[in-house]
Amino acid sequence: MSSKGHVPIRMCIFCRKRFPKDLLKRFVFKKGMIVEDKCKTLSGRGAYCCTSPECLKKLTKYGHKALKGALKLGN
């Protein structure tokens, strides 16, 4: 149960900094694919990435491998 005014904090998988959940991009594994959860309402384990230019660059370069690890999908 969350109290009024509570802000969930999540960690970026690249820079490892913590941010309020609504400032991050969320990714989940659905139907055999890693997809961005734009509404942040899909069920399942999520991986988060901040919107800093450095992390977005890493997301495009290493995204699939990093997200597989963060979502615990194995090899």
PDB file of N, CA and C in Angstrom:
ATOM      1  N   MET A   1       0.841  -1.169   0.000  1.00  0.00           N
ATOM      2  CA  MET A   1       0.000   0.000   0.000  1.00  0.00           C
ATOM      3  C   MET A   1       0.891   1.238   0.000  1.00  0.00           C
ATOM      4  N   SER A   2       0.667   2.137  -0.931  1.00  0.00           N
ATOM      5  CA  SER A   2       1.501   3.331  -0.997  1.00  0.00           C
ATOM      6  C   SER A   2       0.792   4.490  -0.311  1.00  0.00           C
ATOM      7  N   SER A   3       1.576   5.311   0.337  1.00  0.00           N
ATOM      8  CA  SER A   3       1.009   6.478   0.995  1.00  0.00           C
ATOM      9  C   SER A   3       0.953   7.641   0.018  1.00  0.00           C
ATOM     10  N   LYS A   4       0.114   8.591   0.314  1.00  0.00           N
ATOM     11  CA  LYS A   4      -0.040   9.753  -0.552  1.00  0.00           C
ATOM     12  C   LYS A   4       1.285  10.510  -0.611  1.00  0.00           C
ATOM     13  N   GLY A   5       1.706  10.825  -1.833  1.00  0.00           N
ATOM     14  CA  GLY A   5       2.949  11.556  -2.007  1.00  0.00           C
ATOM     15  C   GLY A   5       4.169  10.679  -2.222  1.00  0.00           C
ATOM     16  N   HIS A   6       3.999   9.371  -2.160  1.00  0.00           N
ATOM     17  CA  HIS A   6       5.127   8.452  -2.363  1.00  0.00           C
ATOM     18  C   HIS A   6       5.533   8.457  -3.837  1.00  0.00           C
ATOM     19  N   VAL A   7       6.833   8.568  -4.093  1.00  0.00           N
ATOM     20  CA  VAL A   7       7.354   8.548  -5.459  1.00  0.00           C
ATOM     21  C   VAL A   7       8.264   7.335  -5.602  1.00  0.00           C
ATOM     22  N   PRO A   8       7.896   6.347  -6.449  1.00  0.00           N
ATOM     23  CA  PRO A   8       8.761   5.178  -6.637  1.00  0.00           C
ATOM     24  C   PRO A   8      10.088   5.579  -7.287  1.00  0.00           C
ATOM     25  N   ILE A   9      11.169   5.022  -6.791  1.00  0.00           N
ATOM     26  CA  ILE A   9      12.505   5.303  -7.302  1.00  0.00           C
ATOM     27  C   ILE A   9      13.022   4.043  -7.986  1.00  0.00           C
ATOM     28  N   ARG A  10      13.582   4.199  -9.184  1.00  0.00           N
ATOM     29  CA  ARG A  10      14.157   3.085  -9.933  1.00  0.00           C
ATOM     30  C   ARG A  10      15.567   3.461 -10.388  1.00  0.00           C
ATOM     31  N   MET A  11      16.363   2.456 -10.769  1.00  0.00           N
ATOM     32  CA  MET A  11      17.750   2.676 -11.151  1.00  0.00           C
ATOM     33  C   MET A  11      17.948   2.437 -12.645  1.00  0.00           C
ATOM     34  N   CYS A  12      18.698   3.314 -13.290  1.00  0.00           N
ATOM     35  CA  CYS A  12      19.051   3.161 -14.696  1.00  0.00           C
ATOM     36  C   CYS A  12      20.041   2.002 -14.822  1.00  0.00           C
ATOM     37  N   ILE A  13      19.826   1.123 -15.806  1.00  0.00           N
ATOM     38  CA  ILE A  13      20.701  -0.049 -15.948  1.00  0.00           C
ATOM     39  C   ILE A  13      22.080   0.317 -16.488  1.00  0.00           C
ATOM     40  N   PHE A  14      22.241   1.527 -17.019  1.00  0.00           N
ATOM     41  CA  PHE A  14      23.532   1.917 -17.582  1.00  0.00           C
ATOM     42  C   PHE A  14      24.361   2.761 -16.612  1.00  0.00           C
ATOM     43  N   CYS A  15      23.830   3.879 -16.134  1.00  0.00           N
ATOM     44  CA  CYS A  15      24.617   4.757 -15.260  1.00  0.00           C
ATOM     45  C   CYS A  15      24.477   4.393 -13.783  1.00  0.00           C
ATOM     46  N   ARG A  16      23.507   3.517 -13.465  1.00  0.00           N
ATOM     47  CA  ARG A  16      23.252   3.043 -12.098  1.00  0.00           C
ATOM     48  C   ARG A  16      22.809   4.159 -11.143  1.00  0.00           C
ATOM     49  N   LYS A  17      22.363   5.287 -11.684  1.00  0.00           N
ATOM     50  CA  LYS A  17      21.832   6.363 -10.850  1.00  0.00           C
ATOM     51  C   LYS A  17      20.350   6.113 -10.622  1.00  0.00           C
ATOM     52  N   ARG A  18      19.843   6.647  -9.526  1.00  0.00           N
ATOM     53  CA  ARG A  18      18.440   6.456  -9.167  1.00  0.00           C
ATOM     54  C   ARG A  18      17.630   7.696  -9.522  1.00  0.00           C
ATOM     55  N   PHE A  19      16.436   7.453 -10.081  1.00  0.00           N
ATOM     56  CA  PHE A  19      15.552   8.520 -10.527  1.00  0.00           C
ATOM     57  C   PHE A  19      14.120   8.165 -10.161  1.00  0.00           C
ATOM     58  N   PRO A  20      13.234   9.177 -10.100  1.00  0.00           N
ATOM     59  CA  PRO A  20      11.816   8.858  -9.974  1.00  0.00           C
ATOM     60  C   PRO A  20      11.372   8.038 -11.191  1.00  0.00           C
ATOM     61  N   LYS A  21      10.518   7.068 -10.955  1.00  0.00           N
ATOM     62  CA  LYS A  21      10.098   6.124 -11.987  1.00  0.00           C
ATOM     63  C   LYS A  21       9.555   6.803 -13.239  1.00  0.00           C
ATOM     64  N   ASP A  22       8.835   7.904 -13.084  1.00  0.00           N
ATOM     65  CA  ASP A  22       8.211   8.545 -14.243  1.00  0.00           C
ATOM     66  C   ASP A  22       9.197   9.268 -15.150  1.00  0.00           C
ATOM     67  N   LEU A  23      10.459   9.405 -14.741  1.00  0.00           N
ATOM     68  CA  LEU A  23      11.477  10.048 -15.574  1.00  0.00           C
ATOM     69  C   LEU A  23      12.275   9.047 -16.409  1.00  0.00           C
ATOM     70  N   LEU A  24      11.996   7.766 -16.255  1.00  0.00           N
ATOM     71  CA  LEU A  24      12.768   6.724 -16.926  1.00  0.00           C
ATOM     72  C   LEU A  24      11.958   6.029 -18.017  1.00  0.00           C
ATOM     73  N   LYS A  25      12.677   5.437 -18.975  1.00  0.00           N
ATOM     74  CA  LYS A  25      12.054   4.573 -19.979  1.00  0.00           C
ATOM     75  C   LYS A  25      12.028   3.166 -19.391  1.00  0.00           C
ATOM     76  N   ARG A  26      10.911   2.471 -19.553  1.00  0.00           N
ATOM     77  CA  ARG A  26      10.774   1.118 -19.013  1.00  0.00           C
ATOM     78  C   ARG A  26      10.673   0.115 -20.157  1.00  0.00           C
ATOM     79  N   PHE A  27      11.374  -0.995 -20.014  1.00  0.00           N
ATOM     80  CA  PHE A  27      11.362  -2.064 -21.012  1.00  0.00           C
ATOM     81  C   PHE A  27      10.944  -3.362 -20.344  1.00  0.00           C
ATOM     82  N   VAL A  28      10.149  -4.168 -21.061  1.00  0.00           N
ATOM     83  CA  VAL A  28       9.693  -5.471 -20.568  1.00  0.00           C
ATOM     84  C   VAL A  28       9.820  -6.497 -21.690  1.00  0.00           C
ATOM     85  N   PHE A  29       9.752  -7.772 -21.321  1.00  0.00           N
ATOM     86  CA  PHE A  29       9.800  -8.875 -22.281  1.00  0.00           C
ATOM     87  C   PHE A  29       8.379  -9.364 -22.495  1.00  0.00           C
ATOM     88  N   LYS A  30       7.857  -9.201 -23.704  1.00  0.00           N
ATOM     89  CA  LYS A  30       6.500  -9.634 -24.024  1.00  0.00           C
ATOM     90  C   LYS A  30       6.475 -10.293 -25.394  1.00  0.00           C
ATOM     91  N   LYS A  31       5.823 -11.441 -25.475  1.00  0.00           N
ATOM     92  CA  LYS A  31       5.637 -12.175 -26.729  1.00  0.00           C
ATOM     93  C   LYS A  31       6.959 -12.411 -27.467  1.00  0.00           C
ATOM     94  N   GLY A  32       7.985 -12.776 -26.715  1.00  0.00           N
ATOM     95  CA  GLY A  32       9.268 -13.111 -27.316  1.00  0.00           C
ATOM     96  C   GLY A  32      10.123 -11.930 -27.722  1.00  0.00           C
ATOM     97  N   MET A  33       9.719 -10.726 -27.350  1.00  0.00           N
ATOM     98  CA  MET A  33      10.469  -9.529 -27.736  1.00  0.00           C
ATOM     99  C   MET A  33      10.627  -8.594 -26.541  1.00  0.00           C
ATOM    100  N   ILE A  34      11.687  -7.801 -26.563  1.00  0.00           N
ATOM    101  CA  ILE A  34      11.862  -6.747 -25.576  1.00  0.00           C
ATOM    102  C   ILE A  34      11.204  -5.500 -26.155  1.00  0.00           C
ATOM    103  N   VAL A  35      10.246  -4.947 -25.421  1.00  0.00           N
ATOM    104  CA  VAL A  35       9.501  -3.784 -25.905  1.00  0.00           C
ATOM    105  C   VAL A  35       9.520  -2.670 -24.861  1.00  0.00           C
ATOM    106  N   GLU A  36       9.414  -1.434 -25.350  1.00  0.00           N
ATOM    107  CA  GLU A  36       9.317  -0.297 -24.439  1.00  0.00           C
ATOM    108  C   GLU A  36       7.896  -0.220 -23.904  1.00  0.00           C
ATOM    109  N   ASP A  37       7.775  -0.078 -22.616  1.00  0.00           N
ATOM    110  CA  ASP A  37       6.478   0.043 -21.950  1.00  0.00           C
ATOM    111  C   ASP A  37       6.202   1.528 -21.740  1.00  0.00           C
ATOM    112  N   LYS A  38       5.671   2.175 -22.758  1.00  0.00           N
ATOM    113  CA  LYS A  38       5.477   3.626 -22.720  1.00  0.00           C
ATOM    114  C   LYS A  38       4.493   4.065 -21.645  1.00  0.00           C
ATOM    115  N   CYS A  39       3.478   3.249 -21.366  1.00  0.00           N
ATOM    116  CA  CYS A  39       2.492   3.602 -20.334  1.00  0.00           C
ATOM    117  C   CYS A  39       2.926   3.143 -18.940  1.00  0.00           C
ATOM    118  N   LYS A  40       3.985   2.340 -18.889  1.00  0.00           N
ATOM    119  CA  LYS A  40       4.519   1.789 -17.638  1.00  0.00           C
ATOM    120  C   LYS A  40       3.465   1.001 -16.868  1.00  0.00           C
ATOM    121  N   THR A  41       2.664   0.209 -17.610  1.00  0.00           N
ATOM    122  CA  THR A  41       1.603  -0.569 -16.971  1.00  0.00           C
ATOM    123  C   THR A  41       1.651  -2.055 -17.304  1.00  0.00           C
ATOM    124  N   LEU A  42       2.556  -2.478 -18.192  1.00  0.00           N
ATOM    125  CA  LEU A  42       2.638  -3.899 -18.545  1.00  0.00           C
ATOM    126  C   LEU A  42       3.134  -4.702 -17.354  1.00  0.00           C
ATOM    127  N   SER A  43       2.663  -5.930 -17.250  1.00  0.00           N
ATOM    128  CA  SER A  43       3.078  -6.777 -16.137  1.00  0.00           C
ATOM    129  C   SER A  43       4.449  -7.376 -16.413  1.00  0.00           C
ATOM    130  N   GLY A  44       5.079  -7.847 -15.372  1.00  0.00           N
ATOM    131  CA  GLY A  44       6.379  -8.507 -15.513  1.00  0.00           C
ATOM    132  C   GLY A  44       7.530  -7.634 -15.064  1.00  0.00           C
ATOM    133  N   ARG A  45       8.702  -8.248 -15.065  1.00  0.00           N
ATOM    134  CA  ARG A  45       9.920  -7.552 -14.654  1.00  0.00           C
ATOM    135  C   ARG A  45      10.226  -6.446 -15.653  1.00  0.00           C
ATOM    136  N   GLY A  46      10.608  -5.301 -15.140  1.00  0.00           N
ATOM    137  CA  GLY A  46      10.954  -4.177 -15.996  1.00  0.00           C
ATOM    138  C   GLY A  46      12.405  -3.776 -15.820  1.00  0.00           C
ATOM    139  N   ALA A  47      12.976  -3.220 -16.865  1.00  0.00           N
ATOM    140  CA  ALA A  47      14.326  -2.652 -16.820  1.00  0.00           C
ATOM    141  C   ALA A  47      14.182  -1.188 -17.213  1.00  0.00           C
ATOM    142  N   TYR A  48      14.941  -0.329 -16.565  1.00  0.00           N
ATOM    143  CA  TYR A  48      14.779   1.111 -16.748  1.00  0.00           C
ATOM    144  C   TYR A  48      16.046   1.751 -17.285  1.00  0.00           C
ATOM    145  N   CYS A  49      15.862   2.771 -18.125  1.00  0.00           N
ATOM    146  CA  CYS A  49      16.970   3.540 -18.681  1.00  0.00           C
ATOM    147  C   CYS A  49      16.620   5.016 -18.552  1.00  0.00           C
ATOM    148  N   CYS A  50      17.578   5.809 -18.075  1.00  0.00           N
ATOM    149  CA  CYS A  50      17.326   7.244 -17.971  1.00  0.00           C
ATOM    150  C   CYS A  50      17.440   7.881 -19.361  1.00  0.00           C
ATOM    151  N   THR A  51      17.142   9.151 -19.457  1.00  0.00           N
ATOM    152  CA  THR A  51      17.115   9.822 -20.754  1.00  0.00           C
ATOM    153  C   THR A  51      18.343  10.698 -20.985  1.00  0.00           C
ATOM    154  N   SER A  52      19.420  10.442 -20.251  1.00  0.00           N
ATOM    155  CA  SER A  52      20.646  11.196 -20.495  1.00  0.00           C
ATOM    156  C   SER A  52      21.223  10.782 -21.848  1.00  0.00           C
ATOM    157  N   PRO A  53      21.891  11.698 -22.544  1.00  0.00           N
ATOM    158  CA  PRO A  53      22.451  11.352 -23.862  1.00  0.00           C
ATOM    159  C   PRO A  53      23.412  10.163 -23.817  1.00  0.00           C
ATOM    160  N   GLU A  54      24.203  10.055 -22.754  1.00  0.00           N
ATOM    161  CA  GLU A  54      25.149   8.951 -22.642  1.00  0.00           C
ATOM    162  C   GLU A  54      24.426   7.604 -22.525  1.00  0.00           C
ATOM    163  N   CYS A  55      23.395   7.560 -21.710  1.00  0.00           N
ATOM    164  CA  CYS A  55      22.668   6.304 -21.513  1.00  0.00           C
ATOM    165  C   CYS A  55      21.842   5.940 -22.745  1.00  0.00           C
ATOM    166  N   LEU A  56      21.275   6.921 -23.412  1.00  0.00           N
ATOM    167  CA  LEU A  56      20.520   6.626 -24.628  1.00  0.00           C
ATOM    168  C   LEU A  56      21.444   6.115 -25.731  1.00  0.00           C
ATOM    169  N   LYS A  57      22.679   6.628 -25.762  1.00  0.00           N
ATOM    170  CA  LYS A  57      23.661   6.128 -26.731  1.00  0.00           C
ATOM    171  C   LYS A  57      24.016   4.674 -26.418  1.00  0.00           C
ATOM    172  N   LYS A  58      24.203   4.375 -25.135  1.00  0.00           N
ATOM    173  CA  LYS A  58      24.492   2.998 -24.732  1.00  0.00           C
ATOM    174  C   LYS A  58      23.304   2.086 -25.021  1.00  0.00           C
ATOM    175  N   LEU A  59      22.103   2.619 -24.867  1.00  0.00           N
ATOM    176  CA  LEU A  59      20.911   1.827 -25.155  1.00  0.00           C
ATOM    177  C   LEU A  59      20.868   1.426 -26.619  1.00  0.00           C
ATOM    178  N   THR A  60      21.216   2.335 -27.515  1.00  0.00           N
ATOM    179  CA  THR A  60      21.207   1.989 -28.936  1.00  0.00           C
ATOM    180  C   THR A  60      22.354   1.053 -29.299  1.00  0.00           C
ATOM    181  N   LYS A  61      23.486   1.187 -28.594  1.00  0.00           N
ATOM    182  CA  LYS A  61      24.654   0.367 -28.927  1.00  0.00           C
ATOM    183  C   LYS A  61      24.615  -1.015 -28.276  1.00  0.00           C
ATOM    184  N   TYR A  62      24.291  -1.053 -26.977  1.00  0.00           N
ATOM    185  CA  TYR A  62      24.333  -2.306 -26.217  1.00  0.00           C
ATOM    186  C   TYR A  62      22.965  -2.735 -25.705  1.00  0.00           C
ATOM    187  N   GLY A  63      21.916  -2.078 -26.139  1.00  0.00           N
ATOM    188  CA  GLY A  63      20.592  -2.231 -25.567  1.00  0.00           C
ATOM    189  C   GLY A  63      20.105  -3.649 -25.405  1.00  0.00           C
ATOM    190  N   HIS A  64      20.120  -4.428 -26.464  1.00  0.00           N
ATOM    191  CA  HIS A  64      19.543  -5.774 -26.394  1.00  0.00           C
ATOM    192  C   HIS A  64      20.272  -6.639 -25.383  1.00  0.00           C
ATOM    193  N   LYS A  65      21.587  -6.609 -25.406  1.00  0.00           N
ATOM    194  CA  LYS A  65      22.366  -7.434 -24.473  1.00  0.00           C
ATOM    195  C   LYS A  65      22.165  -6.963 -23.023  1.00  0.00           C
ATOM    196  N   ALA A  66      22.202  -5.656 -22.811  1.00  0.00           N
ATOM    197  CA  ALA A  66      22.029  -5.124 -21.458  1.00  0.00           C
ATOM    198  C   ALA A  66      20.627  -5.384 -20.924  1.00  0.00           C
ATOM    199  N   LEU A  67      19.635  -5.226 -21.782  1.00  0.00           N
ATOM    200  CA  LEU A  67      18.264  -5.455 -21.352  1.00  0.00           C
ATOM    201  C   LEU A  67      18.007  -6.933 -21.058  1.00  0.00           C
ATOM    202  N   LYS A  68      18.603  -7.829 -21.841  1.00  0.00           N
ATOM    203  CA  LYS A  68      18.460  -9.260 -21.568  1.00  0.00           C
ATOM    204  C   LYS A  68      18.998  -9.594 -20.187  1.00  0.00           C
ATOM    205  N   GLY A  69      20.129  -9.014 -19.838  1.00  0.00           N
ATOM    206  CA  GLY A  69      20.702  -9.250 -18.514  1.00  0.00           C
ATOM    207  C   GLY A  69      19.843  -8.675 -17.398  1.00  0.00           C
ATOM    208  N   ALA A  70      19.365  -7.453 -17.609  1.00  0.00           N
ATOM    209  CA  ALA A  70      18.551  -6.800 -16.582  1.00  0.00           C
ATOM    210  C   ALA A  70      17.199  -7.497 -16.407  1.00  0.00           C
ATOM    211  N   LEU A  71      16.663  -8.047 -17.478  1.00  0.00           N
ATOM    212  CA  LEU A  71      15.376  -8.737 -17.402  1.00  0.00           C
ATOM    213  C   LEU A  71      15.529 -10.204 -17.034  1.00  0.00           C
ATOM    214  N   LYS A  72      16.771 -10.635 -16.811  1.00  0.00           N
ATOM    215  CA  LYS A  72      17.106 -12.009 -16.402  1.00  0.00           C
ATOM    216  C   LYS A  72      16.577 -13.043 -17.394  1.00  0.00           C
ATOM    217  N   LEU A  73      16.880 -12.792 -18.678  1.00  0.00           N
ATOM    218  CA  LEU A  73      16.431 -13.699 -19.732  1.00  0.00           C
ATOM    219  C   LEU A  73      17.465 -14.750 -20.092  1.00  0.00           C
ATOM    220  N   GLY A  74      18.618 -14.704 -19.461  1.00  0.00           N
ATOM    221  CA  GLY A  74      19.661 -15.690 -19.764  1.00  0.00           C
ATOM    222  C   GLY A  74      20.423 -15.300 -21.010  1.00  0.00           C
ATOM    223  N   ASN A  75      21.009 -16.273 -21.687  1.00  0.00           N
ATOM    224  CA  ASN A  75      21.808 -15.996 -22.883  1.00  0.00           C
ATOM    225  C   ASN A  75      20.887 -15.675 -23.979  1.00  0.00           C
TER     226      ASN A  75
END
